[in-house]
Amino acid sequence: MPFVGGEGAGGGGGVSQVCVAADTGSGSCITTSGTVTINGTAGEISTAVSGTTVTVGFSGTFSPAYAVTSVSADYSAVLSDRYILVDSSGGPITVTLLSAASTAGRVIVVKDKGAAGTNNVTVQAASGNIDGGASKAIKSNYGSYRVTSDGSDYFIV
């Protein structure tokens, strides 16, 4: 999903800059006045700043495409991962999520493709806990964990 954010000028309540970024990291900021646009596959997001007024525009239809990663060996997640599909038919697999601090507010799904009943899938975080524990195991075929981070730890949602 695109991110639109702004920073105040301090004290006066005005906006000094507006930034727009896509999940891929592409985007830019504008200060005082101007327009920034990110083109999507089916639409466009734009922001404009004029004095203390910020305008955010959307055109077209947005259907965000989330990264789907399929793995069959131990895997360390990357920032663009949203769905991690795990084939553990060849043996147990560990999926290591990024540190909870680097993924605050994101939702990540780790899903077994059908063999976790025989070969468990372990989900752990590079730093932080998952629902109070160091790791969680998917032990049933087609099981999954959907987690989000508060910046310190992950929580199953």
N, C-alpha and C. Protein backbone atom coordinates (compact mmCIF):
# COMPACT_ATOMS: atom_id res chain seq x y z
N MET A 1 0.84 -1.17 0.00
CA MET A 1 0.00 0.00 0.00
C MET A 1 0.89 1.24 0.00
N PRO A 2 0.50 2.28 -0.71
CA PRO A 2 1.27 3.50 -0.69
C PRO A 2 1.20 4.17 0.67
N PHE A 3 2.22 4.96 0.98
CA PHE A 3 2.27 5.70 2.22
C PHE A 3 2.33 7.17 1.89
N VAL A 4 1.50 7.96 2.55
CA VAL A 4 1.53 9.41 2.41
C VAL A 4 1.74 9.97 3.80
N GLY A 5 2.74 10.80 3.97
CA GLY A 5 3.01 11.37 5.28
C GLY A 5 3.46 12.80 5.14
N GLY A 6 3.33 13.54 6.22
CA GLY A 6 3.75 14.93 6.22
C GLY A 6 4.45 15.28 7.49
N GLU A 7 5.25 16.36 7.45
CA GLU A 7 5.93 16.85 8.63
C GLU A 7 5.54 18.30 8.83
N GLY A 8 5.32 18.65 10.08
CA GLY A 8 4.99 20.03 10.40
C GLY A 8 6.22 20.91 10.42
N ALA A 9 5.98 22.20 10.27
CA ALA A 9 7.07 23.16 10.27
C ALA A 9 7.47 23.52 11.69
N GLY A 10 6.71 23.05 12.67
CA GLY A 10 7.07 23.32 14.06
C GLY A 10 6.44 24.60 14.56
N GLY A 11 5.60 24.50 15.55
CA GLY A 11 5.05 25.68 16.20
C GLY A 11 3.90 26.33 15.46
N GLY A 12 4.02 26.52 14.16
CA GLY A 12 3.01 27.25 13.42
C GLY A 12 1.87 26.41 12.90
N GLY A 13 1.99 25.11 12.98
CA GLY A 13 0.92 24.24 12.52
C GLY A 13 0.90 24.03 11.02
N GLY A 14 1.84 24.61 10.28
CA GLY A 14 1.89 24.41 8.84
C GLY A 14 2.57 23.12 8.48
N VAL A 15 2.53 22.79 7.22
CA VAL A 15 3.17 21.58 6.72
C VAL A 15 4.41 22.01 5.95
N SER A 16 5.56 21.42 6.31
CA SER A 16 6.79 21.78 5.61
C SER A 16 7.15 20.82 4.50
N GLN A 17 6.68 19.56 4.61
CA GLN A 17 6.92 18.64 3.51
C GLN A 17 5.92 17.51 3.54
N VAL A 18 5.66 16.96 2.35
CA VAL A 18 4.78 15.81 2.20
C VAL A 18 5.56 14.77 1.41
N CYS A 19 5.51 13.53 1.89
CA CYS A 19 6.22 12.45 1.21
C CYS A 19 5.24 11.37 0.80
N VAL A 20 5.45 10.80 -0.36
CA VAL A 20 4.63 9.70 -0.85
C VAL A 20 5.61 8.60 -1.24
N ALA A 21 5.33 7.37 -0.78
CA ALA A 21 6.20 6.25 -1.14
C ALA A 21 5.38 4.99 -1.34
N ALA A 22 5.80 4.19 -2.27
CA ALA A 22 5.18 2.89 -2.50
C ALA A 22 5.95 1.85 -1.71
N ASP A 23 5.42 0.64 -1.58
CA ASP A 23 6.11 -0.44 -0.87
C ASP A 23 7.49 -0.71 -1.43
N THR A 24 7.68 -0.42 -2.69
CA THR A 24 8.97 -0.67 -3.32
C THR A 24 10.01 0.35 -2.90
N GLY A 25 9.57 1.40 -2.18
CA GLY A 25 10.49 2.44 -1.76
C GLY A 25 10.54 3.60 -2.72
N SER A 26 9.88 3.47 -3.89
CA SER A 26 9.89 4.57 -4.84
C SER A 26 8.95 5.66 -4.37
N GLY A 27 9.28 6.86 -4.68
CA GLY A 27 8.47 8.00 -4.27
C GLY A 27 9.37 9.19 -4.01
N SER A 28 8.79 10.26 -3.52
CA SER A 28 9.59 11.44 -3.24
C SER A 28 8.83 12.37 -2.31
N CYS A 29 9.50 13.45 -1.94
CA CYS A 29 8.91 14.45 -1.04
C CYS A 29 8.87 15.80 -1.75
N ILE A 30 7.93 16.62 -1.32
CA ILE A 30 7.90 17.99 -1.79
C ILE A 30 7.84 18.91 -0.58
N THR A 31 8.38 20.08 -0.74
CA THR A 31 8.35 21.07 0.33
C THR A 31 7.65 22.32 -0.17
N THR A 32 6.92 22.97 0.70
CA THR A 32 6.22 24.22 0.46
C THR A 32 5.14 24.12 -0.60
N SER A 33 5.49 23.84 -1.85
CA SER A 33 4.47 23.69 -2.87
C SER A 33 4.99 22.78 -3.96
N GLY A 34 4.09 22.23 -4.71
CA GLY A 34 4.46 21.32 -5.77
C GLY A 34 3.59 20.09 -5.74
N THR A 35 3.89 19.15 -6.59
CA THR A 35 3.11 17.92 -6.68
C THR A 35 4.06 16.74 -6.81
N VAL A 36 3.71 15.66 -6.15
CA VAL A 36 4.46 14.40 -6.25
C VAL A 36 3.47 13.35 -6.71
N THR A 37 3.87 12.50 -7.63
CA THR A 37 2.97 11.48 -8.16
C THR A 37 3.68 10.15 -8.22
N ILE A 38 2.99 9.10 -7.83
CA ILE A 38 3.47 7.74 -8.01
C ILE A 38 2.47 7.04 -8.90
N ASN A 39 2.95 6.47 -9.98
CA ASN A 39 2.06 5.77 -10.89
C ASN A 39 1.95 4.31 -10.48
N GLY A 40 0.73 3.84 -10.36
CA GLY A 40 0.48 2.44 -10.06
C GLY A 40 0.10 1.73 -11.33
N THR A 41 -0.20 0.46 -11.22
CA THR A 41 -0.55 -0.29 -12.41
C THR A 41 -1.93 0.11 -12.92
N ALA A 42 -2.80 0.58 -12.03
CA ALA A 42 -4.15 0.89 -12.47
C ALA A 42 -4.60 2.25 -11.98
N GLY A 43 -3.71 3.06 -11.48
CA GLY A 43 -4.14 4.35 -10.97
C GLY A 43 -2.96 5.21 -10.59
N GLU A 44 -3.26 6.32 -9.98
CA GLU A 44 -2.24 7.29 -9.64
C GLU A 44 -2.57 7.94 -8.30
N ILE A 45 -1.53 8.14 -7.50
CA ILE A 45 -1.68 8.85 -6.24
C ILE A 45 -0.88 10.14 -6.37
N SER A 46 -1.46 11.24 -5.95
CA SER A 46 -0.71 12.49 -6.00
C SER A 46 -0.95 13.27 -4.72
N THR A 47 0.03 14.08 -4.36
CA THR A 47 -0.12 14.98 -3.22
C THR A 47 0.33 16.36 -3.66
N ALA A 48 -0.25 17.35 -3.07
CA ALA A 48 0.15 18.72 -3.36
C ALA A 48 0.14 19.51 -2.06
N VAL A 49 1.12 20.40 -1.92
CA VAL A 49 1.22 21.23 -0.73
C VAL A 49 1.17 22.68 -1.17
N SER A 50 0.35 23.46 -0.50
CA SER A 50 0.29 24.88 -0.75
C SER A 50 0.07 25.56 0.59
N GLY A 51 1.12 26.14 1.14
CA GLY A 51 1.01 26.77 2.46
C GLY A 51 0.71 25.73 3.52
N THR A 52 -0.45 25.85 4.17
CA THR A 52 -0.83 24.89 5.21
C THR A 52 -1.83 23.86 4.70
N THR A 53 -2.06 23.84 3.40
CA THR A 53 -3.03 22.91 2.83
C THR A 53 -2.32 21.76 2.13
N VAL A 54 -2.71 20.54 2.48
CA VAL A 54 -2.18 19.34 1.82
C VAL A 54 -3.35 18.67 1.12
N THR A 55 -3.19 18.40 -0.17
CA THR A 55 -4.22 17.72 -0.94
C THR A 55 -3.67 16.37 -1.39
N VAL A 56 -4.42 15.32 -1.13
CA VAL A 56 -4.05 13.99 -1.58
C VAL A 56 -5.10 13.54 -2.57
N GLY A 57 -4.67 13.15 -3.76
CA GLY A 57 -5.59 12.72 -4.80
C GLY A 57 -5.36 11.30 -5.22
N PHE A 58 -6.42 10.62 -5.55
CA PHE A 58 -6.37 9.26 -6.06
C PHE A 58 -7.16 9.22 -7.36
N SER A 59 -6.62 8.57 -8.37
CA SER A 59 -7.39 8.39 -9.58
C SER A 59 -7.21 6.95 -10.06
N GLY A 60 -8.20 6.44 -10.72
CA GLY A 60 -8.13 5.07 -11.18
C GLY A 60 -8.57 4.11 -10.10
N THR A 61 -8.26 2.87 -10.29
CA THR A 61 -8.61 1.82 -9.33
C THR A 61 -7.33 1.21 -8.81
N PHE A 62 -7.18 1.19 -7.50
CA PHE A 62 -5.97 0.61 -6.90
C PHE A 62 -6.26 -0.79 -6.44
N SER A 63 -5.43 -1.69 -6.86
CA SER A 63 -5.48 -3.07 -6.43
C SER A 63 -4.06 -3.45 -6.05
N PRO A 64 -3.68 -3.19 -4.80
CA PRO A 64 -2.28 -3.40 -4.45
C PRO A 64 -1.87 -4.86 -4.63
N ALA A 65 -0.73 -5.04 -5.24
CA ALA A 65 -0.16 -6.37 -5.41
C ALA A 65 0.85 -6.58 -4.29
N TYR A 66 0.63 -7.60 -3.52
CA TYR A 66 1.54 -7.90 -2.42
C TYR A 66 2.51 -8.98 -2.85
N ALA A 67 3.72 -8.88 -2.32
CA ALA A 67 4.74 -9.87 -2.65
C ALA A 67 4.36 -11.23 -2.08
N VAL A 68 4.39 -12.23 -2.93
CA VAL A 68 4.17 -13.62 -2.52
C VAL A 68 5.48 -14.34 -2.78
N THR A 69 6.04 -14.90 -1.72
CA THR A 69 7.31 -15.60 -1.81
C THR A 69 7.07 -17.06 -1.49
N SER A 70 7.53 -17.95 -2.35
CA SER A 70 7.44 -19.38 -2.11
C SER A 70 8.82 -19.90 -1.76
N VAL A 71 8.92 -20.68 -0.66
CA VAL A 71 10.20 -21.19 -0.21
C VAL A 71 10.10 -22.68 0.08
N SER A 72 11.23 -23.37 -0.05
CA SER A 72 11.29 -24.79 0.29
C SER A 72 12.55 -25.10 1.10
N ALA A 73 13.13 -24.06 1.67
CA ALA A 73 14.31 -24.18 2.54
C ALA A 73 14.22 -23.05 3.57
N ASP A 74 15.07 -23.10 4.59
CA ASP A 74 15.08 -22.03 5.58
C ASP A 74 15.13 -20.68 4.86
N TYR A 75 14.41 -19.70 5.39
CA TYR A 75 14.25 -18.43 4.68
C TYR A 75 14.27 -17.27 5.67
N SER A 76 14.98 -16.21 5.31
CA SER A 76 14.97 -14.95 6.06
C SER A 76 14.16 -13.94 5.26
N ALA A 77 13.09 -13.46 5.84
CA ALA A 77 12.18 -12.54 5.16
C ALA A 77 12.87 -11.23 4.80
N VAL A 78 12.34 -10.59 3.77
CA VAL A 78 12.80 -9.27 3.36
C VAL A 78 11.63 -8.29 3.50
N LEU A 79 11.93 -7.02 3.47
CA LEU A 79 10.92 -6.00 3.75
C LEU A 79 9.71 -6.07 2.83
N SER A 80 9.88 -6.50 1.60
CA SER A 80 8.75 -6.53 0.67
C SER A 80 7.84 -7.75 0.85
N ASP A 81 8.24 -8.73 1.67
CA ASP A 81 7.41 -9.92 1.86
C ASP A 81 6.10 -9.59 2.56
N ARG A 82 5.01 -10.14 2.04
CA ARG A 82 3.71 -10.04 2.69
C ARG A 82 3.17 -11.44 2.96
N TYR A 83 3.30 -12.31 1.95
CA TYR A 83 2.84 -13.69 2.06
C TYR A 83 4.03 -14.59 1.78
N ILE A 84 4.32 -15.48 2.71
CA ILE A 84 5.40 -16.43 2.54
C ILE A 84 4.78 -17.83 2.55
N LEU A 85 4.83 -18.49 1.38
CA LEU A 85 4.27 -19.83 1.23
C LEU A 85 5.40 -20.84 1.39
N VAL A 86 5.21 -21.79 2.31
CA VAL A 86 6.29 -22.69 2.68
C VAL A 86 5.97 -24.13 2.27
N ASP A 87 6.86 -24.73 1.46
CA ASP A 87 6.76 -26.13 1.09
C ASP A 87 7.78 -26.89 1.94
N SER A 88 7.30 -27.54 3.00
CA SER A 88 8.21 -28.27 3.90
C SER A 88 8.21 -29.77 3.61
N SER A 89 7.82 -30.16 2.39
CA SER A 89 7.78 -31.58 2.05
C SER A 89 9.17 -32.23 2.11
N GLY A 90 10.24 -31.44 1.97
CA GLY A 90 11.59 -31.97 2.01
C GLY A 90 12.21 -31.98 3.39
N GLY A 91 11.52 -31.44 4.37
CA GLY A 91 12.05 -31.40 5.74
C GLY A 91 11.58 -30.14 6.45
N PRO A 92 11.80 -30.08 7.77
CA PRO A 92 11.38 -28.91 8.55
C PRO A 92 12.04 -27.63 8.03
N ILE A 93 11.32 -26.54 8.12
CA ILE A 93 11.82 -25.25 7.63
C ILE A 93 11.60 -24.19 8.70
N THR A 94 12.58 -23.27 8.80
CA THR A 94 12.46 -22.11 9.68
C THR A 94 12.36 -20.85 8.83
N VAL A 95 11.34 -20.04 9.12
CA VAL A 95 11.19 -18.73 8.48
C VAL A 95 11.53 -17.69 9.54
N THR A 96 12.51 -16.85 9.24
CA THR A 96 12.93 -15.81 10.17
C THR A 96 12.41 -14.47 9.67
N LEU A 97 11.54 -13.85 10.45
CA LEU A 97 11.00 -12.54 10.11
C LEU A 97 12.05 -11.47 10.41
N LEU A 98 11.92 -10.33 9.78
CA LEU A 98 12.80 -9.20 10.08
C LEU A 98 12.60 -8.78 11.53
N SER A 99 13.48 -7.95 12.04
CA SER A 99 13.30 -7.45 13.40
C SER A 99 11.96 -6.73 13.49
N ALA A 100 11.32 -6.88 14.63
CA ALA A 100 10.01 -6.25 14.84
C ALA A 100 10.09 -4.74 14.66
N ALA A 101 11.23 -4.15 14.98
CA ALA A 101 11.39 -2.70 14.86
C ALA A 101 11.31 -2.24 13.41
N SER A 102 11.74 -3.07 12.47
CA SER A 102 11.76 -2.64 11.07
C SER A 102 10.45 -2.91 10.33
N THR A 103 9.48 -3.54 11.01
CA THR A 103 8.23 -3.88 10.32
C THR A 103 7.00 -3.38 11.06
N ALA A 104 7.14 -2.37 11.88
CA ALA A 104 6.01 -1.85 12.66
C ALA A 104 4.82 -1.55 11.76
N GLY A 105 3.67 -2.11 12.12
CA GLY A 105 2.44 -1.84 11.41
C GLY A 105 2.19 -2.73 10.20
N ARG A 106 3.15 -3.48 9.76
CA ARG A 106 2.98 -4.37 8.61
C ARG A 106 2.35 -5.68 9.04
N VAL A 107 1.65 -6.31 8.13
CA VAL A 107 1.09 -7.63 8.36
C VAL A 107 1.81 -8.61 7.45
N ILE A 108 2.25 -9.72 8.02
CA ILE A 108 2.95 -10.76 7.27
C ILE A 108 2.26 -12.08 7.53
N VAL A 109 2.05 -12.87 6.49
CA VAL A 109 1.42 -14.18 6.62
C VAL A 109 2.43 -15.24 6.21
N VAL A 110 2.61 -16.23 7.09
CA VAL A 110 3.43 -17.40 6.76
C VAL A 110 2.46 -18.57 6.67
N LYS A 111 2.42 -19.23 5.52
CA LYS A 111 1.42 -20.26 5.24
C LYS A 111 2.10 -21.55 4.76
N ASP A 112 1.72 -22.66 5.39
CA ASP A 112 2.21 -23.97 4.96
C ASP A 112 1.45 -24.42 3.71
N LYS A 113 2.17 -25.05 2.77
CA LYS A 113 1.56 -25.51 1.52
C LYS A 113 1.10 -26.97 1.59
N GLY A 114 1.12 -27.58 2.79
CA GLY A 114 0.53 -28.90 2.91
C GLY A 114 1.34 -29.98 3.57
N ALA A 115 2.53 -29.68 4.10
CA ALA A 115 3.36 -30.74 4.69
C ALA A 115 3.75 -30.48 6.14
N ALA A 116 3.25 -29.43 6.76
CA ALA A 116 3.67 -29.09 8.12
C ALA A 116 3.27 -30.14 9.15
N GLY A 117 2.28 -30.95 8.85
CA GLY A 117 1.89 -32.02 9.76
C GLY A 117 3.00 -33.04 9.94
N THR A 118 3.83 -33.19 8.94
CA THR A 118 4.98 -34.10 8.98
C THR A 118 6.26 -33.34 9.29
N ASN A 119 6.46 -32.22 8.62
CA ASN A 119 7.66 -31.39 8.77
C ASN A 119 7.24 -29.98 9.18
N ASN A 120 7.34 -29.71 10.48
CA ASN A 120 6.89 -28.43 11.00
C ASN A 120 7.58 -27.24 10.34
N VAL A 121 6.86 -26.11 10.32
CA VAL A 121 7.41 -24.84 9.87
C VAL A 121 7.53 -23.97 11.11
N THR A 122 8.75 -23.55 11.43
CA THR A 122 8.99 -22.69 12.59
C THR A 122 9.07 -21.25 12.11
N VAL A 123 8.35 -20.36 12.79
CA VAL A 123 8.38 -18.93 12.49
C VAL A 123 9.03 -18.24 13.67
N GLN A 124 10.08 -17.49 13.42
CA GLN A 124 10.77 -16.77 14.48
C GLN A 124 11.10 -15.36 13.99
N ALA A 125 11.38 -14.47 14.91
CA ALA A 125 11.73 -13.09 14.57
C ALA A 125 13.23 -12.89 14.76
N ALA A 126 13.84 -12.08 13.90
CA ALA A 126 15.25 -11.75 14.05
C ALA A 126 15.48 -11.05 15.39
N SER A 127 14.51 -10.26 15.83
CA SER A 127 14.52 -9.68 17.17
C SER A 127 13.09 -9.45 17.58
N GLY A 128 12.82 -9.57 18.86
CA GLY A 128 11.46 -9.46 19.36
C GLY A 128 10.83 -10.83 19.45
N ASN A 129 9.73 -10.91 20.15
CA ASN A 129 9.00 -12.16 20.33
C ASN A 129 7.77 -12.21 19.44
N ILE A 130 7.18 -13.40 19.36
CA ILE A 130 5.90 -13.58 18.67
C ILE A 130 4.91 -14.04 19.73
N ASP A 131 3.95 -13.20 20.04
CA ASP A 131 2.98 -13.50 21.11
C ASP A 131 3.67 -14.00 22.39
N GLY A 132 4.76 -13.32 22.77
CA GLY A 132 5.44 -13.62 24.02
C GLY A 132 6.47 -14.73 23.96
N GLY A 133 6.59 -15.42 22.84
CA GLY A 133 7.56 -16.50 22.72
C GLY A 133 8.58 -16.23 21.64
N ALA A 134 9.70 -16.92 21.70
CA ALA A 134 10.77 -16.72 20.72
C ALA A 134 10.37 -17.20 19.33
N SER A 135 9.48 -18.19 19.26
CA SER A 135 9.06 -18.72 17.96
C SER A 135 7.69 -19.37 18.08
N LYS A 136 7.10 -19.63 16.94
CA LYS A 136 5.83 -20.37 16.84
C LYS A 136 6.02 -21.43 15.76
N ALA A 137 5.36 -22.57 15.94
CA ALA A 137 5.48 -23.65 14.97
C ALA A 137 4.14 -23.92 14.31
N ILE A 138 4.16 -24.03 13.00
CA ILE A 138 3.00 -24.50 12.25
C ILE A 138 3.13 -26.01 12.21
N LYS A 139 2.16 -26.71 12.81
CA LYS A 139 2.25 -28.16 12.96
C LYS A 139 1.16 -28.91 12.20
N SER A 140 0.30 -28.17 11.52
CA SER A 140 -0.77 -28.84 10.78
C SER A 140 -0.70 -28.44 9.30
N ASN A 141 -1.04 -29.38 8.45
CA ASN A 141 -1.04 -29.12 7.02
C ASN A 141 -1.93 -27.91 6.70
N TYR A 142 -1.40 -27.03 5.88
CA TYR A 142 -2.09 -25.81 5.43
C TYR A 142 -2.32 -24.80 6.55
N GLY A 143 -1.64 -24.96 7.67
CA GLY A 143 -1.74 -23.99 8.76
C GLY A 143 -1.02 -22.69 8.41
N SER A 144 -1.29 -21.66 9.19
CA SER A 144 -0.64 -20.38 8.92
C SER A 144 -0.59 -19.52 10.19
N TYR A 145 0.29 -18.53 10.15
CA TYR A 145 0.33 -17.47 11.15
C TYR A 145 0.27 -16.15 10.41
N ARG A 146 -0.59 -15.27 10.90
CA ARG A 146 -0.69 -13.91 10.38
C ARG A 146 -0.25 -13.02 11.53
N VAL A 147 0.84 -12.29 11.34
CA VAL A 147 1.41 -11.50 12.43
C VAL A 147 1.55 -10.03 12.03
N THR A 148 1.57 -9.19 13.04
CA THR A 148 1.87 -7.78 12.85
C THR A 148 2.80 -7.34 13.96
N SER A 149 3.53 -6.28 13.75
CA SER A 149 4.50 -5.79 14.71
C SER A 149 4.10 -4.44 15.27
N ASP A 150 4.38 -4.25 16.56
CA ASP A 150 4.16 -2.93 17.18
C ASP A 150 5.48 -2.15 17.25
N GLY A 151 6.52 -2.67 16.61
CA GLY A 151 7.82 -2.02 16.64
C GLY A 151 8.75 -2.64 17.67
N SER A 152 8.20 -3.45 18.57
CA SER A 152 9.02 -4.13 19.57
C SER A 152 8.89 -5.65 19.45
N ASP A 153 7.67 -6.13 19.23
CA ASP A 153 7.38 -7.55 19.15
C ASP A 153 6.34 -7.80 18.06
N TYR A 154 6.21 -9.08 17.70
CA TYR A 154 5.17 -9.50 16.77
C TYR A 154 3.98 -10.06 17.56
N PHE A 155 2.81 -9.92 16.96
CA PHE A 155 1.58 -10.44 17.57
C PHE A 155 0.77 -11.16 16.50
N ILE A 156 0.20 -12.29 16.88
CA ILE A 156 -0.64 -13.04 15.96
C ILE A 156 -1.99 -12.33 15.89
N VAL A 157 -2.44 -12.05 14.68
CA VAL A 157 -3.73 -11.35 14.50
C VAL A 157 -4.67 -12.17 13.64
